[in-house]
Amino acid sequence: MTGVCHASPAGGAIIADEGAVAAPGVAEWLRLAAAPTFAIMALVTGVPSGRPMDMLCSAGHGSPLSGMAPMYLLMTAFHLAPWLKLVSSRRSSRYSS
C-alpha cells in the first residue's frame, strides 16, 4: 500500500490511497463504545451468580476495592470524557440557537 496518511484538524487520521478516504468518524464511535462496554462488564462481574465457587472465591477478599468490578468502574469513569464532550456540545448548541 502506497497511501499517504495525514492528520485531520479534528484529531483523526485520513488515509488517502488513490482517492480513497477513511472516515475519521469511526474512531469517534469506538471512543463512545468504551464506557458502556466497561459499565456492562462491571455489572456482570459485580453481580454474584449464587454458585458455590463464587462464595468460595469471594470469601477471602478483605477490601471491597479488590476485584474486577471496581477496576471496570474505574475504566468506565476514565472513558466518560467523549460522552461528556458529546453532551456538552449538544447542550451548548441547543442554547445558542
C-alpha atoms as a PDB file:
ATOM      1  CA  MET A   1       0.000   0.000   0.000  1.00  0.00           C
ATOM      2  CA  THR A   2       1.437   3.350  -1.012  1.00  0.00           C
ATOM      3  CA  GLY A   3      -1.094   5.533   0.777  1.00  0.00           C
ATOM      4  CA  VAL A   4      -0.389   8.871   2.362  1.00  0.00           C
ATOM      5  CA  CYS A   5      -1.523   9.424   5.932  1.00  0.00           C
ATOM      6  CA  HIS A   6      -2.482  12.947   7.036  1.00  0.00           C
ATOM      7  CA  ALA A   7      -3.717  14.183  10.384  1.00  0.00           C
ATOM      8  CA  SER A   8      -7.092  15.874  10.265  1.00  0.00           C
ATOM      9  CA  PRO A   9      -7.865  19.026  12.300  1.00  0.00           C
ATOM     10  CA  ALA A  10     -10.359  17.039  14.404  1.00  0.00           C
ATOM     11  CA  GLY A  11      -7.637  14.673  15.563  1.00  0.00           C
ATOM     12  CA  GLY A  12      -8.472  11.702  13.326  1.00  0.00           C
ATOM     13  CA  ALA A  13      -6.319  10.224  10.624  1.00  0.00           C
ATOM     14  CA  ILE A  14      -7.287  10.443   6.977  1.00  0.00           C
ATOM     15  CA  ILE A  15      -5.659   7.886   4.707  1.00  0.00           C
ATOM     16  CA  ALA A  16      -5.627   8.765   1.031  1.00  0.00           C
ATOM     17  CA  ASP A  17      -4.834   5.995  -1.444  1.00  0.00           C
ATOM     18  CA  GLU A  18      -5.708   6.982  -4.996  1.00  0.00           C
ATOM     19  CA  GLY A  19      -8.768   8.960  -3.935  1.00  0.00           C
ATOM     20  CA  ALA A  20      -9.979   6.665  -1.146  1.00  0.00           C
ATOM     21  CA  VAL A  21     -10.501   8.394   2.220  1.00  0.00           C
ATOM     22  CA  ALA A  22     -11.104   6.626   5.521  1.00  0.00           C
ATOM     23  CA  ALA A  23     -13.842   8.107   7.690  1.00  0.00           C
ATOM     24  CA  PRO A  24     -12.467   9.673  10.888  1.00  0.00           C
ATOM     25  CA  GLY A  25     -15.905   9.187  12.475  1.00  0.00           C
ATOM     26  CA  VAL A  26     -15.187   5.507  13.095  1.00  0.00           C
ATOM     27  CA  ALA A  27     -12.679   6.398  15.818  1.00  0.00           C
ATOM     28  CA  GLU A  28     -15.279   8.637  17.477  1.00  0.00           C
ATOM     29  CA  TRP A  29     -17.804   5.782  17.598  1.00  0.00           C
ATOM     30  CA  LEU A  30     -15.178   3.457  19.082  1.00  0.00           C
ATOM     31  CA  ARG A  31     -14.401   6.013  21.798  1.00  0.00           C
ATOM     32  CA  LEU A  32     -18.120   6.245  22.610  1.00  0.00           C
ATOM     33  CA  ALA A  33     -18.407   2.443  22.809  1.00  0.00           C
ATOM     34  CA  ALA A  34     -15.778   2.061  25.555  1.00  0.00           C
ATOM     35  CA  ALA A  35     -17.657   3.490  28.564  1.00  0.00           C
ATOM     36  CA  PRO A  36     -20.899   1.488  28.145  1.00  0.00           C
ATOM     37  CA  THR A  37     -18.885  -1.679  27.492  1.00  0.00           C
ATOM     38  CA  PHE A  38     -16.902  -1.287  30.712  1.00  0.00           C
ATOM     39  CA  ALA A  39     -20.087  -0.431  32.660  1.00  0.00           C
ATOM     40  CA  ILE A  40     -21.778  -3.621  31.453  1.00  0.00           C
ATOM     41  CA  MET A  41     -18.678  -5.639  32.313  1.00  0.00           C
ATOM     42  CA  ALA A  42     -18.658  -4.132  35.829  1.00  0.00           C
ATOM     43  CA  LEU A  43     -22.322  -5.009  36.263  1.00  0.00           C
ATOM     44  CA  VAL A  44     -21.878  -8.576  35.052  1.00  0.00           C
ATOM     45  CA  THR A  45     -18.751  -9.083  37.143  1.00  0.00           C
ATOM     46  CA  GLY A  46     -20.177  -7.478  40.292  1.00  0.00           C
ATOM     47  CA  VAL A  47     -23.459  -9.380  40.443  1.00  0.00           C
ATOM     48  CA  PRO A  48     -22.936 -12.735  42.201  1.00  0.00           C
ATOM     49  CA  SER A  49     -24.397 -15.711  40.410  1.00  0.00           C
ATOM     50  CA  GLY A  50     -25.017 -17.745  43.574  1.00  0.00           C
ATOM     51  CA  ARG A  51     -22.796 -20.640  42.532  1.00  0.00           C
ATOM     52  CA  PRO A  52     -20.777 -22.336  45.293  1.00  0.00           C
ATOM     53  CA  MET A  53     -17.459 -21.345  43.688  1.00  0.00           C
ATOM     54  CA  ASP A  54     -18.453 -17.666  43.781  1.00  0.00           C
ATOM     55  CA  MET A  55     -18.940 -17.835  47.532  1.00  0.00           C
ATOM     56  CA  LEU A  56     -15.646 -19.651  47.988  1.00  0.00           C
ATOM     57  CA  CYS A  57     -13.664 -17.208  45.833  1.00  0.00           C
ATOM     58  CA  SER A  58     -15.174 -14.052  47.329  1.00  0.00           C
ATOM     59  CA  ALA A  59     -14.837 -15.084  50.992  1.00  0.00           C
ATOM     60  CA  GLY A  60     -11.130 -14.284  51.318  1.00  0.00           C
ATOM     61  CA  HIS A  61     -11.138 -10.734  49.963  1.00  0.00           C
ATOM     62  CA  GLY A  62     -10.659  -8.135  52.694  1.00  0.00           C
ATOM     63  CA  SER A  63     -11.129  -4.951  50.665  1.00  0.00           C
ATOM     64  CA  PRO A  64     -14.232  -4.084  48.656  1.00  0.00           C
ATOM     65  CA  LEU A  65     -11.910  -2.329  46.182  1.00  0.00           C
ATOM     66  CA  SER A  66     -10.196  -5.553  45.158  1.00  0.00           C
ATOM     67  CA  GLY A  67     -11.510  -7.474  42.210  1.00  0.00           C
ATOM     68  CA  MET A  68     -12.576  -6.830  38.670  1.00  0.00           C
ATOM     69  CA  ALA A  69     -15.823  -4.896  39.214  1.00  0.00           C
ATOM     70  CA  PRO A  70     -14.127  -1.827  40.797  1.00  0.00           C
ATOM     71  CA  MET A  71     -11.497  -1.906  38.048  1.00  0.00           C
ATOM     72  CA  TYR A  72     -14.215  -1.882  35.367  1.00  0.00           C
ATOM     73  CA  LEU A  73     -15.983   1.002  37.145  1.00  0.00           C
ATOM     74  CA  LEU A  74     -12.720   2.930  37.177  1.00  0.00           C
ATOM     75  CA  MET A  75     -12.223   2.238  33.466  1.00  0.00           C
ATOM     76  CA  THR A  76     -15.794   3.450  32.839  1.00  0.00           C
ATOM     77  CA  ALA A  77     -15.005   6.702  34.648  1.00  0.00           C
ATOM     78  CA  PHE A  78     -11.819   7.202  32.623  1.00  0.00           C
ATOM     79  CA  HIS A  79     -13.682   6.649  29.348  1.00  0.00           C
ATOM     80  CA  LEU A  80     -16.584   9.031  30.075  1.00  0.00           C
ATOM     81  CA  ALA A  81     -14.799  12.040  28.518  1.00  0.00           C
ATOM     82  CA  PRO A  82     -16.156  11.500  24.962  1.00  0.00           C
ATOM     83  CA  TRP A  83     -19.697  11.201  26.357  1.00  0.00           C
ATOM     84  CA  LEU A  84     -19.330  14.347  28.443  1.00  0.00           C
ATOM     85  CA  LYS A  85     -17.955  16.201  25.429  1.00  0.00           C
ATOM     86  CA  LEU A  86     -20.869  14.999  23.282  1.00  0.00           C
ATOM     87  CA  VAL A  87     -23.484  16.014  25.857  1.00  0.00           C
ATOM     88  CA  SER A  88     -21.925  19.425  26.448  1.00  0.00           C
ATOM     89  CA  SER A  89     -21.639  20.161  22.717  1.00  0.00           C
ATOM     90  CA  ARG A  90     -25.286  19.257  22.126  1.00  0.00           C
ATOM     91  CA  ARG A  91     -26.386  21.263  25.135  1.00  0.00           C
ATOM     92  CA  SER A  92     -24.386  24.329  24.083  1.00  0.00           C
ATOM     93  CA  SER A  93     -25.702  24.113  20.501  1.00  0.00           C
ATOM     94  CA  ARG A  94     -29.273  23.912  21.838  1.00  0.00           C
ATOM     95  CA  TYR A  95     -28.838  27.069  23.920  1.00  0.00           C
ATOM     96  CA  SER A  96     -27.030  29.037  21.208  1.00  0.00           C
ATOM     97  CA  SER A  97     -29.803  28.631  18.641  1.00  0.00           C
END
